[in-house]
Protein backbone atom coordinates (compact mmCIF):
# COMPACT_ATOMS: atom_id res chain seq x y z
CA MET A 1 27.36 18.62 3.75
CA THR A 2 26.42 17.97 0.29
CA THR A 3 23.04 16.50 -0.52
CA TYR A 4 23.29 14.24 -4.18
CA ALA A 5 19.34 13.37 -5.68
CA ILE A 6 19.97 9.97 -7.66
CA GLY A 7 17.56 8.91 -10.66
CA ASP A 8 15.84 5.37 -10.64
CA VAL A 9 17.74 3.25 -9.50
CA GLN A 10 15.43 -0.36 -10.10
CA GLY A 11 17.43 -2.65 -8.48
CA CYS A 12 20.39 -2.06 -10.40
CA PHE A 13 23.24 -1.80 -7.19
CA GLU A 14 26.66 -2.32 -8.96
CA GLU A 15 25.65 0.87 -10.31
CA LEU A 16 25.36 1.86 -7.45
CA THR A 17 27.91 1.41 -6.21
CA ALA A 18 30.02 2.99 -8.94
CA LEU A 19 27.89 6.22 -8.61
CA LEU A 20 28.69 6.79 -5.26
CA GLU A 21 32.29 5.94 -5.99
CA VAL A 22 32.59 8.57 -8.47
CA ILE A 23 30.67 11.31 -6.72
CA GLY A 24 32.99 10.17 -3.76
CA PHE A 25 29.81 10.18 -1.23
CA ASP A 26 30.31 10.52 2.17
CA ARG A 27 28.18 8.97 4.33
CA SER A 28 29.29 10.49 7.68
CA HIS A 29 28.79 14.42 5.62
CA ASP A 30 26.82 14.25 2.38
CA ARG A 31 22.96 12.62 1.92
CA LEU A 32 21.37 10.39 -0.83
CA TRP A 33 18.19 11.65 -2.70
CA PHE A 34 16.43 9.13 -4.06
CA VAL A 35 13.47 9.81 -6.49
CA GLY A 36 12.05 6.44 -6.07
CA ASP A 37 11.56 3.33 -7.60
CA LEU A 38 14.26 1.61 -5.36
CA VAL A 39 13.11 -1.88 -6.83
CA ASN A 40 12.05 -4.28 -9.53
CA ARG A 41 13.29 -4.97 -13.43
CA GLY A 42 17.02 -4.65 -12.28
CA PRO A 43 18.93 -7.85 -10.79
CA ALA A 44 19.23 -6.66 -7.18
CA SER A 45 16.61 -5.09 -5.87
CA LEU A 46 17.30 -7.10 -2.09
CA ALA A 47 20.34 -4.98 -2.33
CA THR A 48 19.49 -2.23 -2.82
CA LEU A 49 16.49 -1.85 -0.75
CA ARG A 50 19.02 -2.99 2.50
CA PHE A 51 21.76 -0.74 1.43
CA VAL A 52 19.25 2.25 1.40
CA ARG A 53 17.43 1.15 4.23
CA ASP A 54 21.29 1.25 6.97
CA LEU A 55 22.14 4.81 5.28
CA GLY A 56 19.65 6.22 8.18
CA GLU A 57 19.26 9.82 7.63
CA ARG A 58 21.83 10.25 4.88
CA ALA A 59 19.23 8.63 3.12
CA LEU A 60 16.15 10.41 1.96
CA THR A 61 13.77 8.78 -0.65
CA THR A 62 10.25 8.94 -2.61
CA LEU A 63 7.53 6.45 -3.43
CA GLY A 64 7.67 5.57 -6.83
CA ASN A 65 5.09 3.12 -8.50
CA HIS A 66 7.47 0.34 -8.77
CA ASP A 67 7.99 0.71 -4.46
CA LEU A 68 4.52 0.30 -4.12
CA HIS A 69 3.69 -2.08 -6.66
CA LEU A 70 6.10 -4.71 -4.68
CA LEU A 71 3.94 -3.57 -1.45
CA ALA A 72 1.07 -4.73 -3.02
CA LEU A 73 2.22 -7.62 -4.69
CA ALA A 74 3.76 -8.90 -0.99
CA HIS A 75 0.67 -8.30 0.57
CA GLY A 76 -1.23 -10.31 -2.12
CA PHE A 77 -2.89 -7.59 -3.78
CA ALA A 78 -1.30 -7.19 -6.95
CA LYS A 79 -0.33 -9.97 -9.72
CA GLN A 80 3.24 -10.71 -10.85
CA ARG A 81 4.11 -9.51 -13.84
CA LYS A 82 5.99 -11.39 -16.28
CA ASP A 83 9.11 -8.33 -16.14
CA ASP A 84 9.14 -8.16 -12.43
CA THR A 85 12.41 -9.15 -10.55
CA LEU A 86 11.24 -9.15 -6.65
CA ALA A 87 10.91 -12.55 -5.82
CA ASP A 88 14.50 -12.04 -3.85
CA VAL A 89 12.99 -9.66 -1.78
CA LEU A 90 9.66 -11.56 -1.17
CA ASP A 91 12.05 -14.30 -0.09
CA ALA A 92 14.42 -12.84 2.04
CA PRO A 93 14.17 -13.38 5.85
CA ASP A 94 14.38 -9.31 6.39
CA ARG A 95 11.38 -9.17 4.00
CA ASP A 96 8.62 -7.77 6.74
CA GLU A 97 11.00 -5.42 7.93
CA LEU A 98 12.09 -4.08 4.05
CA LEU A 99 8.97 -3.80 3.34
CA ASP A 100 7.50 -1.93 6.61
CA TRP A 101 10.76 0.38 6.36
CA LEU A 102 9.38 1.42 2.26
CA ARG A 103 6.00 1.77 3.61
CA HIS A 104 6.71 4.68 5.84
CA ARG A 105 9.06 6.22 3.00
CA SER A 106 7.65 9.43 1.63
CA MET A 107 5.60 10.34 -0.72
CA PHE A 108 6.88 14.11 -1.06
CA HIS A 109 9.58 15.71 -0.17
CA VAL A 110 10.54 19.61 0.00
CA GLU A 111 13.27 21.33 1.38
CA ALA A 112 14.50 25.29 0.59
CA LYS A 113 13.24 25.31 -3.56
CA TYR A 114 13.41 21.87 -3.80
CA VAL A 115 11.11 19.01 -4.69
CA LEU A 116 11.26 15.80 -4.38
CA VAL A 117 8.95 13.49 -5.97
CA HIS A 118 8.80 10.54 -7.50
CA ALA A 119 6.70 11.84 -11.21
CA GLY A 120 5.33 15.26 -10.95
CA LEU A 121 2.46 17.26 -9.39
CA LEU A 122 -0.60 18.06 -11.02
CA PRO A 123 -0.90 21.98 -12.69
CA GLN A 124 -3.19 23.07 -10.02
CA TRP A 125 -1.67 22.20 -6.93
CA ASP A 126 0.98 24.83 -5.25
CA ILE A 127 3.33 23.52 -3.23
CA ALA A 128 1.55 23.65 0.83
CA THR A 129 -1.16 21.68 -0.77
CA ALA A 130 1.10 18.75 -2.29
CA LYS A 131 2.14 19.21 0.66
CA ALA A 132 -0.69 18.27 2.45
CA LEU A 133 -1.80 15.66 -0.13
CA ALA A 134 1.02 14.02 0.44
CA ALA A 135 1.20 13.08 4.04
CA GLU A 136 -2.64 11.62 3.78
CA VAL A 137 -1.47 8.88 1.29
CA GLU A 138 1.56 8.42 3.99
CA ALA A 139 -1.10 8.38 6.95
CA ALA A 140 -2.81 5.67 5.43
CA LEU A 141 0.41 3.94 4.50
CA ARG A 142 1.59 3.89 8.01
CA GLY A 143 -1.69 3.27 9.81
CA PRO A 144 -3.05 0.27 10.81
CA GLU A 145 -5.40 -0.02 7.65
CA TYR A 146 -2.59 -0.07 5.33
CA ARG A 147 -3.93 -3.38 3.69
CA GLU A 148 -7.09 -2.01 3.25
CA PHE A 149 -5.57 0.75 1.18
CA LEU A 150 -3.63 -1.30 -0.74
CA ALA A 151 -6.40 -3.27 -1.90
CA GLN A 152 -7.75 -0.58 -3.48
CA LEU A 153 -4.52 1.18 -4.85
CA TYR A 154 -4.37 -0.34 -8.68
CA GLY A 155 -6.94 2.14 -11.27
CA SER A 156 -6.54 4.73 -13.39
CA ARG A 157 -9.58 6.04 -12.21
CA PRO A 158 -10.79 9.49 -11.36
CA ASP A 159 -8.21 10.98 -13.37
CA ARG A 160 -8.24 14.61 -12.34
CA TRP A 161 -8.43 16.19 -9.17
CA SER A 162 -11.44 17.52 -7.54
CA ASP A 163 -11.29 19.26 -3.95
CA SER A 164 -14.57 17.28 -3.54
CA LEU A 165 -12.69 13.42 -4.17
CA ARG A 166 -13.24 11.63 -0.48
CA GLY A 167 -11.91 8.14 0.44
CA VAL A 168 -9.86 5.83 -1.95
CA GLU A 169 -10.71 7.89 -4.58
CA ARG A 170 -8.96 11.32 -3.50
CA LEU A 171 -5.77 9.06 -2.44
CA ARG A 172 -5.92 6.96 -5.51
CA VAL A 173 -5.70 10.54 -7.70
CA ILE A 174 -2.40 11.43 -5.03
CA VAL A 175 -0.76 8.69 -5.63
CA ASN A 176 -1.63 7.86 -9.71
CA ALA A 177 -0.56 11.87 -9.77
CA MET A 178 3.12 11.58 -7.90
CA THR A 179 4.02 8.26 -9.26
CA ARG A 180 2.64 7.41 -12.49
CA MET A 181 1.58 11.15 -14.22
CA ARG A 182 3.74 11.57 -17.22
CA PHE A 183 1.09 13.98 -19.98
CA CYS A 184 -1.74 15.56 -18.08
CA THR A 185 -4.39 18.64 -19.87
CA PRO A 186 -3.67 22.52 -18.45
CA GLU A 187 -7.46 20.99 -16.99
CA GLY A 188 -4.91 18.44 -15.08
CA VAL A 189 -6.86 15.28 -16.52
CA MET A 190 -3.93 12.47 -16.96
CA ASP A 191 -2.92 10.26 -19.43
CA PHE A 192 -1.51 7.40 -18.63
CA THR A 193 -1.65 5.26 -21.57
CA THR A 194 1.54 7.43 -23.61
CA LYS A 195 4.88 6.73 -22.20
CA GLY A 196 6.90 7.75 -24.81
CA GLU A 197 8.84 10.96 -25.66
CA THR A 198 7.13 14.24 -25.12
CA ALA A 199 7.08 14.38 -28.99
CA GLU A 200 4.10 11.73 -28.33
CA SER A 201 1.85 13.86 -26.35
CA PRO A 202 -1.95 12.86 -26.87
CA ALA A 203 -3.65 15.70 -28.77
CA GLY A 204 -4.80 18.01 -25.82
CA TYR A 205 -1.92 16.95 -23.80
CA LEU A 206 1.65 18.33 -22.48
CA PRO A 207 4.24 16.91 -20.45
CA TRP A 208 2.76 18.03 -16.83
CA PHE A 209 5.77 20.05 -16.32
CA GLU A 210 5.10 22.17 -19.67
CA VAL A 211 1.87 23.54 -18.36
CA PRO A 212 1.38 26.92 -18.14
CA GLY A 213 0.92 28.64 -15.04
CA ARG A 214 1.50 25.12 -13.10
CA LYS A 215 1.68 26.47 -9.13
CA SER A 216 4.22 24.55 -8.27
CA ALA A 217 6.71 26.27 -10.76
CA GLY A 218 8.73 28.39 -8.55
CA HIS A 219 10.10 25.24 -6.79
CA THR A 220 12.24 23.27 -8.40
CA VAL A 221 11.05 19.65 -8.72
CA ILE A 222 13.53 16.83 -8.62
CA CYS A 223 11.90 13.77 -10.24
CA GLY A 224 12.36 10.27 -12.06
CA HIS A 225 9.75 7.74 -13.52
CA TRP A 226 10.24 8.80 -16.58
CA SER A 227 12.91 6.61 -19.14
CA ALA A 228 12.20 8.00 -22.45
CA LEU A 229 12.12 11.28 -21.91
CA GLY A 230 15.40 10.83 -20.50
CA LEU A 231 17.96 13.50 -18.65
CA ARG A 232 15.72 17.18 -18.32
CA VAL A 233 18.06 19.65 -16.04
CA ALA A 234 16.59 22.96 -16.32
CA PRO A 235 16.36 25.57 -13.92
CA ASN A 236 13.06 24.22 -12.00
CA LEU A 237 13.05 20.53 -13.01
CA LEU A 238 15.65 18.57 -12.50
CA ALA A 239 14.09 15.11 -14.04
CA LEU A 240 16.72 12.66 -13.39
CA ASP A 241 14.98 8.78 -14.78
CA SER A 242 18.51 8.14 -17.35
CA GLY A 243 17.39 4.36 -17.80
CA CYS A 244 19.76 2.29 -15.96
CA VAL A 245 17.58 -0.26 -16.46
CA TRP A 246 17.27 -0.24 -20.33
CA GLY A 247 20.75 -0.24 -20.24
CA GLY A 248 21.10 3.58 -19.90
CA LYS A 249 23.08 5.35 -17.38
CA LEU A 250 22.62 5.85 -13.54
CA SER A 251 22.87 9.59 -12.98
CA ALA A 252 23.45 12.31 -9.82
CA ILE A 253 23.16 15.41 -9.29
CA ARG A 254 24.90 17.62 -7.13
CA LEU A 255 22.40 19.99 -5.43
CA GLU A 256 24.56 22.88 -4.88
CA ASP A 257 25.81 23.53 -8.02
CA ARG A 258 23.88 21.32 -10.03
CA ARG A 259 26.84 18.89 -11.27
CA LEU A 260 26.25 16.20 -13.06
CA TYR A 261 27.43 12.65 -12.11
CA GLN A 262 26.43 9.57 -14.38
CA VAL A 263 27.78 5.74 -14.77
CA PRO A 264 26.96 3.50 -17.30
CA CYS A 265 24.72 0.50 -17.33
CA ALA A 266 26.70 -2.51 -16.33
CA SER A 267 25.15 -5.07 -18.48
CA ALA A 268 25.15 -2.69 -21.67
CA ALA A 269 29.31 -1.63 -20.49
CA ALA A 270 30.08 -5.60 -20.54
CA SER A 271 28.67 -5.48 -24.28
CA GLU A 272 30.24 -2.07 -25.26
CA SER A 273 33.20 -3.72 -23.70
CA ALA A 274 32.50 -7.18 -25.67
CA VAL A 275 32.20 -6.40 -29.21
CA ALA A 276 35.05 -3.83 -29.44
CA GLN A 277 37.28 -7.06 -27.88
CA ALA A 278 35.42 -9.00 -30.50
CA ARG A 279 37.08 -6.89 -33.35
CA PRO A 280 39.39 -7.40 -35.62
CA LYS A 281 42.58 -5.86 -34.62
CA PRO A 282 44.23 -3.56 -37.58
CA ARG A 283 47.20 -4.07 -38.75
CA ARG A 284 50.43 -2.37 -39.22
């Protein structure tokens, strides 16, 4: 059995299909780990959701901020954004089944020395703590009062973890760290305004994975979310958001040997081909 970790798909179903052809995915033996953000901003969120759901146990996905946005939007607790491309899901005859499947996905997965999470982990969380905290959010999403949770999901406060947090504020910090965080202070105070490269970090803040003494550093964290960071492969980090939806590439890494596979964004490849064909032919 081979396991492939795949970066943010965001509705880029054509590229996902091409990537699986490149890696030679065998659904009878192989597994796919998705870092979250299966949907939104790309052209085919519906096809992506249906495909990953139909893979059953062959696919594991953690929830990303766009996936949670879809759930909140569908239940009337979020406003549609100008760049949303979720209408195909919201209008689908099987939307309820797809949304129910989506809200039962994990926030966090750990297996051997690998951890799968969409954005990151606060520096004071060890793996056991992160797993327990993720389970609290999963219980809220899967429980009978999940609509009440979605109604209070949005907000950037509190911006730091405390063991004393209770209720929705506690759950919101967990969600924000695992699905939105890029930069934080060594004390774990999160910044949600800066989305650029690591050199653009606000004063006193670091990329979450560079915080000294981070308690999850003994595991390899597989994540996405940060397209400006791009592909980052390090001993204890596999950051796989290579910006496919922005004209970049869709990336996968085979965990057994860390071999990298990539396919270009279909629209970008088509544009490059058109430009190449439009160039004047050299005279001979």
